[in-house]
Protein backbone atom coordinates (compact mmCIF):
# COMPACT_ATOMS: atom_id res chain seq x y z
CA MET A 1 117.85 -89.92 -102.91
CA LYS A 2 121.37 -89.87 -104.34
CA LYS A 3 120.24 -87.65 -107.19
CA ILE A 4 118.56 -85.20 -104.79
CA ARG A 5 121.69 -85.01 -102.63
CA HIS A 6 123.81 -84.49 -105.75
CA ASN A 7 121.56 -81.63 -106.93
CA ILE A 8 121.70 -79.97 -103.50
CA PHE A 9 125.46 -80.38 -103.56
CA LYS A 10 125.76 -78.67 -106.96
CA ILE A 11 123.42 -75.82 -106.01
CA ALA A 12 125.26 -75.27 -102.73
CA GLU A 13 128.56 -75.18 -104.61
CA ARG A 14 127.40 -72.26 -106.76
CA PHE A 15 125.31 -70.46 -104.16
CA SER A 16 126.43 -67.01 -103.03
CA ALA A 17 125.25 -65.14 -99.95
CA ALA A 18 124.89 -62.11 -102.23
CA TYR A 19 121.44 -63.46 -103.19
CA PHE A 20 120.15 -62.09 -99.88
CA ALA A 21 120.13 -58.77 -101.73
CA PHE A 22 116.76 -59.99 -103.03
CA THR A 23 115.35 -60.02 -99.48
CA MET A 24 116.79 -56.55 -98.89
CA ALA A 25 115.14 -55.12 -101.99
CA THR A 26 111.84 -56.94 -101.54
CA GLY A 27 111.66 -56.03 -97.86
CA ILE A 28 112.14 -52.31 -98.34
CA VAL A 29 109.80 -52.09 -101.35
CA SER A 30 107.17 -53.89 -99.27
CA ILE A 31 107.57 -51.39 -96.43
CA ALA A 32 107.43 -48.50 -98.92
CA ALA A 33 104.17 -49.89 -100.36
CA TYR A 34 102.72 -50.06 -96.85
CA LEU A 35 103.62 -46.42 -96.19
CA MET A 36 101.98 -45.42 -99.48
CA GLY A 37 98.75 -47.15 -98.42
CA MET A 38 99.11 -50.09 -100.83
CA ASN A 39 98.57 -52.77 -98.22
CA GLN A 40 97.85 -55.63 -100.62
CA ILE A 41 101.11 -55.13 -102.50
CA ALA A 42 102.98 -54.77 -99.21
CA TRP A 43 101.48 -57.99 -97.83
CA LEU A 44 102.13 -59.94 -101.05
CA LEU A 45 105.79 -58.91 -101.05
CA PHE A 46 106.00 -59.75 -97.35
CA GLN A 47 104.82 -63.32 -97.96
CA LEU A 48 107.18 -63.67 -100.91
CA ASN A 49 110.07 -62.37 -98.84
CA LYS A 50 109.41 -64.85 -96.03
CA ALA A 51 109.46 -67.76 -98.48
CA ALA A 52 112.58 -66.46 -100.25
CA PHE A 53 114.38 -65.91 -96.95
CA ILE A 54 113.74 -69.49 -95.80
CA LEU A 55 114.93 -70.85 -99.15
CA LEU A 56 118.08 -68.73 -99.16
CA LEU A 57 118.80 -69.64 -95.55
CA LEU A 58 118.56 -73.36 -96.38
CA LEU A 59 120.90 -72.89 -99.33
CA LEU A 60 123.36 -70.98 -97.14
CA LEU A 61 123.26 -73.75 -94.53
CA SER A 62 123.84 -76.31 -97.29
CA ARG A 63 126.89 -74.40 -98.42
CA LEU A 64 128.10 -74.25 -94.82
CA ILE A 65 127.72 -78.04 -94.52
CA TYR A 66 129.27 -79.01 -97.85
CA PHE A 67 131.82 -76.22 -98.36
CA PRO A 68 132.67 -74.65 -94.98
CA LEU A 69 136.23 -73.61 -95.86
CA ARG A 70 135.17 -72.15 -99.19
CA LEU A 71 132.41 -70.17 -97.47
CA VAL A 72 134.86 -68.79 -94.90
CA ARG A 73 137.25 -67.72 -97.69
CA GLU A 74 134.37 -66.08 -99.52
CA ILE A 75 133.12 -64.00 -96.59
CA THR A 76 136.64 -62.78 -95.78
CA ALA A 77 137.81 -62.06 -99.34
CA PRO A 78 138.30 -58.33 -100.12
CA ASP A 79 136.37 -58.60 -103.38
CA ARG A 80 133.54 -60.94 -102.31
CA GLY A 81 133.31 -60.55 -98.54
CA PRO A 82 131.09 -57.44 -98.51
CA ALA A 83 128.39 -59.23 -100.55
CA ALA A 84 128.03 -61.80 -97.75
CA PHE A 85 126.93 -59.01 -95.42
CA THR A 86 123.63 -58.86 -97.31
CA VAL A 87 122.63 -61.71 -94.97
CA VAL A 88 122.66 -59.25 -92.07
CA ALA A 89 120.69 -56.58 -93.90
CA GLY A 90 118.22 -59.09 -95.34
CA THR A 91 117.59 -60.63 -91.92
CA CYS A 92 116.95 -57.26 -90.27
CA LEU A 93 114.75 -55.94 -93.08
CA LEU A 94 112.54 -59.01 -92.86
CA GLY A 95 112.39 -58.45 -89.10
CA SER A 96 111.27 -54.87 -89.74
CA GLN A 97 108.54 -56.19 -92.02
CA PHE A 98 107.28 -58.47 -89.25
CA ILE A 99 106.91 -55.51 -86.88
CA ILE A 100 105.63 -52.87 -89.32
CA LEU A 101 103.23 -55.06 -91.32
CA SER A 102 102.02 -57.62 -88.77
CA ARG A 103 103.01 -56.17 -85.39
CA ASP A 104 104.88 -59.40 -84.66
CA TYR A 105 107.46 -58.20 -82.14
CA THR A 106 108.55 -61.75 -81.28
CA MET A 107 109.72 -62.51 -84.82
CA GLY A 108 111.10 -59.01 -85.14
CA SER A 109 113.16 -59.47 -81.97
CA LEU A 110 114.44 -62.87 -83.09
CA HIS A 111 115.57 -61.42 -86.42
CA TRP A 112 117.26 -58.54 -84.60
CA ILE A 113 119.17 -60.92 -82.33
CA ALA A 114 120.15 -63.15 -85.27
CA GLY A 115 121.20 -60.15 -87.34
CA SER A 116 123.26 -58.72 -84.49
CA ILE A 117 125.12 -62.01 -83.97
CA LEU A 118 125.80 -62.33 -87.69
CA TRP A 119 126.91 -58.68 -87.80
CA PHE A 120 129.49 -59.26 -85.07
CA PHE A 121 131.07 -62.36 -86.61
CA LEU A 122 130.98 -61.26 -90.25
CA ILE A 123 132.27 -57.71 -89.84
CA TYR A 124 135.17 -58.63 -87.59
CA ALA A 125 136.08 -61.73 -89.62
CA PHE A 126 136.26 -59.64 -92.79
CA PHE A 127 138.21 -56.66 -91.48
CA PHE A 128 140.60 -58.82 -89.44
CA ARG A 129 141.39 -60.93 -92.51
CA VAL A 130 141.83 -57.90 -94.75
CA ILE A 131 144.11 -56.14 -92.25
CA VAL A 132 146.47 -59.07 -91.59
CA GLN A 133 146.63 -60.12 -95.26
CA GLN A 134 150.18 -59.54 -96.46
CA ASP A 135 149.61 -59.74 -100.21
CA LYS A 136 147.10 -56.92 -100.45
CA PRO A 137 145.24 -56.34 -103.73
CA ALA A 138 145.14 -53.00 -105.53
CA ILE A 139 142.26 -50.72 -104.59
CA VAL A 140 140.97 -50.71 -108.19
CA ASP A 141 140.56 -54.49 -108.09
CA VAL A 142 138.47 -54.86 -104.95
CA LEU A 143 136.88 -51.57 -103.88
CA ASP A 144 133.39 -50.79 -105.16
CA GLY A 145 130.00 -49.77 -103.82
CA GLY A 146 129.54 -53.23 -102.37
CA TRP A 147 131.76 -52.27 -99.43
CA LEU A 148 128.96 -49.99 -98.26
CA ILE A 149 126.89 -53.09 -97.49
CA TYR A 150 128.68 -52.95 -94.13
CA VAL A 151 126.99 -49.59 -93.57
CA VAL A 152 123.62 -50.94 -94.73
CA GLY A 153 123.86 -53.96 -92.41
CA THR A 154 124.89 -51.82 -89.45
CA GLN A 155 122.09 -49.32 -89.97
CA SER A 156 119.53 -52.09 -90.53
CA ILE A 157 120.33 -53.31 -87.00
CA SER A 158 119.83 -49.76 -85.73
CA VAL A 159 116.45 -49.39 -87.47
CA LEU A 160 115.13 -52.77 -86.32
CA GLY A 161 116.60 -52.19 -82.87
CA SER A 162 114.58 -48.99 -82.51
CA LEU A 163 111.39 -50.81 -83.54
CA VAL A 164 112.09 -53.62 -81.07
CA ALA A 165 112.96 -51.19 -78.25
CA VAL A 166 109.48 -49.64 -78.39
CA GLN A 167 107.95 -52.90 -77.18
CA PHE A 168 110.31 -53.27 -74.22
CA ILE A 169 110.91 -49.64 -73.29
CA SER A 170 108.84 -49.89 -70.08
CA SER A 171 111.18 -52.55 -68.69
CA TYR A 172 114.47 -51.46 -70.26
CA GLU A 173 114.61 -47.67 -70.53
CA SER A 174 118.21 -47.70 -71.76
CA LEU A 175 117.51 -50.10 -74.64
CA PHE A 176 117.71 -47.27 -77.21
CA ILE A 177 121.44 -46.96 -76.55
CA VAL A 178 122.06 -49.96 -78.82
CA PRO A 179 120.37 -48.56 -81.97
CA LEU A 180 121.93 -45.17 -81.22
CA VAL A 181 125.44 -46.65 -81.05
CA MET A 182 124.86 -48.65 -84.23
CA TYR A 183 123.59 -45.51 -85.96
CA LEU A 184 126.71 -43.58 -85.01
CA LEU A 185 128.98 -46.46 -86.00
CA GLY A 186 127.24 -46.86 -89.35
CA SER A 187 127.47 -43.12 -89.94
CA MET A 188 131.22 -43.19 -89.38
CA LEU A 189 131.69 -46.25 -91.59
CA TYR A 190 129.81 -44.46 -94.37
CA ILE A 191 132.11 -41.44 -94.21
CA VAL A 192 135.27 -43.58 -94.23
CA ILE A 193 134.20 -45.85 -97.10
CA ILE A 194 132.55 -43.18 -99.25
CA VAL A 195 135.74 -41.10 -99.21
CA LEU A 196 137.70 -44.09 -100.53
CA LEU A 197 135.04 -44.77 -103.16
CA PHE A 198 134.99 -41.14 -104.28
CA TYR A 199 138.75 -41.24 -104.68
CA ARG A 200 138.53 -44.50 -106.62
CA LEU A 201 135.83 -43.15 -108.98
CA VAL A 202 137.36 -39.72 -109.62
CA PHE A 203 141.11 -40.29 -109.67
CA LEU A 204 141.61 -43.90 -110.80
CA PRO A 205 140.83 -45.44 -114.22
CA ILE A 206 137.27 -46.66 -114.68
CA SER A 207 135.46 -48.60 -117.41
CA ASP A 208 131.91 -49.70 -118.16
CA LYS A 209 132.71 -53.09 -116.59
CA ASN A 210 133.74 -51.39 -113.35
CA ILE A 211 130.58 -49.28 -113.05
CA THR A 212 128.37 -52.10 -111.82
CA PRO A 213 124.91 -51.65 -110.24
CA VAL A 214 126.46 -52.04 -106.77
CA TYR A 215 127.56 -48.41 -106.96
CA TRP A 216 123.92 -47.52 -106.35
CA ILE A 217 124.61 -48.58 -102.77
CA ASN A 218 126.49 -45.23 -102.54
CA MET A 219 123.00 -43.79 -102.39
CA GLY A 220 121.32 -46.70 -100.62
CA ALA A 221 123.75 -46.65 -97.68
CA GLY A 222 123.13 -42.94 -97.20
CA ALA A 223 119.39 -43.51 -97.44
CA ILE A 224 119.29 -46.17 -94.73
CA THR A 225 121.51 -43.96 -92.54
CA THR A 226 118.89 -41.24 -93.01
CA LEU A 227 116.15 -43.72 -92.10
CA SER A 228 118.06 -44.84 -89.02
CA GLY A 229 118.35 -41.25 -87.80
CA ALA A 230 114.71 -40.55 -88.62
CA THR A 231 113.60 -43.67 -86.71
CA LEU A 232 115.56 -42.55 -83.63
CA LEU A 233 113.97 -39.10 -83.90
CA GLN A 234 110.53 -40.67 -84.21
CA HIS A 235 111.00 -42.37 -80.83
CA SER A 236 113.02 -39.63 -79.11
CA ASP A 237 110.24 -38.97 -76.57
CA LEU A 238 110.69 -42.50 -75.20
CA SER A 239 114.34 -42.04 -74.25
CA PRO A 240 115.84 -39.17 -72.19
CA LEU A 241 119.17 -39.67 -73.96
CA LEU A 242 117.64 -39.38 -77.43
CA HIS A 243 115.57 -36.39 -76.31
CA GLU A 244 118.73 -34.53 -75.26
CA ILE A 245 120.41 -34.95 -78.66
CA VAL A 246 117.41 -34.28 -80.91
CA PRO A 247 119.04 -31.20 -82.57
CA PHE A 248 122.15 -33.27 -83.33
CA LEU A 249 120.08 -36.13 -84.77
CA LYS A 250 118.03 -33.73 -86.92
CA GLY A 251 121.16 -32.11 -88.34
CA MET A 252 122.87 -35.43 -89.06
CA THR A 253 119.76 -36.95 -90.60
CA LEU A 254 119.23 -33.98 -92.91
CA PHE A 255 122.94 -34.02 -93.77
CA TYR A 256 122.83 -37.66 -94.91
CA TRP A 257 119.58 -37.14 -96.82
CA ALA A 258 121.11 -34.19 -98.71
CA PHE A 259 124.23 -36.17 -99.64
CA THR A 260 122.10 -39.17 -100.60
CA THR A 261 120.00 -36.97 -102.88
CA TRP A 262 123.14 -35.55 -104.49
CA TRP A 263 124.17 -39.03 -105.62
CA ILE A 264 120.99 -39.76 -107.58
CA PRO A 265 121.54 -37.60 -110.72
CA LEU A 266 125.20 -38.66 -110.90
CA LEU A 267 124.34 -42.36 -110.66
CA LEU A 268 121.65 -41.95 -113.34
CA LEU A 269 124.14 -40.28 -115.67
CA VAL A 270 126.80 -42.93 -115.11
CA THR A 271 124.26 -45.74 -115.58
CA ALA A 272 123.01 -44.16 -118.81
CA TRP A 273 126.62 -43.82 -120.01
CA ARG A 274 127.27 -47.47 -119.29
CA PHE A 275 124.26 -48.79 -121.21
CA SER A 276 123.97 -46.26 -124.06
CA TYR A 277 127.39 -44.78 -124.87
CA GLU A 278 129.40 -47.89 -123.94
CA ARG A 279 126.56 -50.18 -125.11
CA PHE A 280 126.96 -52.58 -122.20
CA ARG A 281 124.70 -55.58 -122.71
CA ILE A 282 121.74 -55.74 -120.30
CA THR A 283 121.40 -59.23 -118.83
CA TYR A 284 120.09 -60.25 -115.42
CA ASN A 285 122.59 -60.28 -112.59
CA VAL A 286 121.99 -60.50 -108.85
CA GLN A 287 123.72 -57.11 -108.61
CA TYR A 288 120.63 -55.42 -110.07
CA TRP A 289 118.89 -55.88 -106.73
CA SER A 290 121.49 -53.37 -105.53
CA MET A 291 119.68 -50.79 -107.67
CA VAL A 292 116.20 -51.72 -106.45
CA PHE A 293 117.09 -51.50 -102.76
CA PRO A 294 118.39 -47.87 -102.82
CA LEU A 295 115.32 -46.65 -104.70
CA GLY A 296 112.96 -48.24 -102.18
CA MET A 297 115.07 -47.10 -99.24
CA TYR A 298 115.15 -43.52 -100.54
CA ALA A 299 111.35 -43.53 -100.76
CA VAL A 300 111.01 -44.78 -97.17
CA CYS A 301 113.61 -42.48 -95.62
CA THR A 302 112.25 -39.42 -97.47
CA PHE A 303 108.72 -40.24 -96.32
CA HIS A 304 109.78 -40.45 -92.67
CA LEU A 305 111.98 -37.35 -92.88
CA GLY A 306 109.12 -35.35 -94.37
CA ASN A 307 106.83 -36.33 -91.49
CA ILE A 308 109.43 -35.52 -88.83
CA LEU A 309 110.45 -32.15 -90.27
CA GLY A 310 106.93 -31.23 -91.37
CA ILE A 311 107.82 -30.79 -95.05
CA PRO A 312 104.90 -32.11 -97.18
CA ILE A 313 106.80 -31.97 -100.46
CA LEU A 314 109.09 -34.75 -99.25
CA SER A 315 106.10 -37.08 -99.12
CA ASN A 316 105.46 -36.35 -102.81
CA ILE A 317 109.10 -37.10 -103.63
CA ALA A 318 108.80 -40.34 -101.66
CA SER A 319 105.77 -41.37 -103.73
CA ILE A 320 107.65 -40.82 -107.00
CA PHE A 321 110.58 -42.93 -105.87
CA PHE A 322 108.26 -45.65 -104.62
CA TYR A 323 106.85 -46.05 -108.13
CA PHE A 324 110.39 -46.13 -109.53
CA SER A 325 111.30 -48.82 -107.02
CA ILE A 326 108.25 -51.04 -107.65
CA VAL A 327 108.73 -50.87 -111.43
CA THR A 328 112.44 -51.62 -111.10
CA TRP A 329 111.62 -54.48 -108.70
CA GLY A 330 109.17 -55.96 -111.22
CA ILE A 331 111.63 -55.77 -114.12
CA THR A 332 114.44 -57.31 -112.05
CA PHE A 333 112.14 -60.04 -110.74
CA LEU A 334 111.13 -60.95 -114.29
CA GLY A 335 114.80 -61.15 -115.29
CA MET A 336 115.56 -63.38 -112.31
CA SER A 337 112.56 -65.63 -113.03
CA LYS A 338 113.58 -65.97 -116.67
CA GLN A 339 117.10 -66.99 -115.65
CA ILE A 340 115.80 -69.57 -113.16
CA VAL A 341 113.48 -71.09 -115.76
CA SER A 342 116.33 -71.18 -118.27
CA ILE A 343 118.65 -72.97 -115.82
CA PHE A 344 116.09 -75.66 -114.95
CA SER A 345 115.14 -76.09 -118.62
CA GLN A 346 118.75 -76.80 -119.51
CA ARG A 347 119.02 -79.37 -116.69
CA GLY A 348 115.82 -81.01 -117.79
């Protein structure tokens, strides 16, 4: 018993909430597979995601029990705090899986409530701490694409909120106001943060070590903002408020999709530069799930946008990016599995 408690203690000490990026990536690739008609793959990833989420949640609770002060410092630190927000996005994406794949609105609603509570505490704890901190770090030391996780988490609440609202719309006609407000808030956060990131990338020194996979969230955050707008448009007939602002939602959704698409070639070029010209060594890191998630999210948002706007070619683009996402997911999963086996082999 002592040995088991000691092992849990050591694992909890090293555990980072950033590992919930796995549930984000797996959740969205599962949903993309479902949209492409690959139900068996979607269901398999759904079951895997449920198991992974429970495991990660237990590890997070263990860290909260054994290292509460260290966890608080981590979620409010300018360089590590944004990664903790993957808990919000992972929770909501799993909730979306419950509704889309199994029509389980009870579990979907519970995940939405849990995600919303976590969103409130984590986002205000982080920004309050960063604002009142007197010894502020330089922008080049802390700002990267990971900050856009706050956009991803906010929009994931909007998307899941829209799915949940459908079930209760007969009793609560104004329920769509919550996902709409979260969509608008997430849209504004994206504009604010992406401007800072663009400035950091273009006008401040950069190296291969700085261009980490988290910069793919530049695209992923725009993609989930597109999906959030598309989901509101999909259900606009259920809400008089949404129906009145359909032209606005269409324009904003297309705007974010266009900017998201613009990022893709640039991110591919920068990634190729990092691994070929700079010869950066490729080894597994949890940050690589930050590449898988945007690819899957782009496939899903493009699929929905194509259906809403009646543009068939977008469905073809969505299919291409789905295959990119599933291949990238498989490669990253193999790297993660190899690292886990290596760690346990060394302990044995």
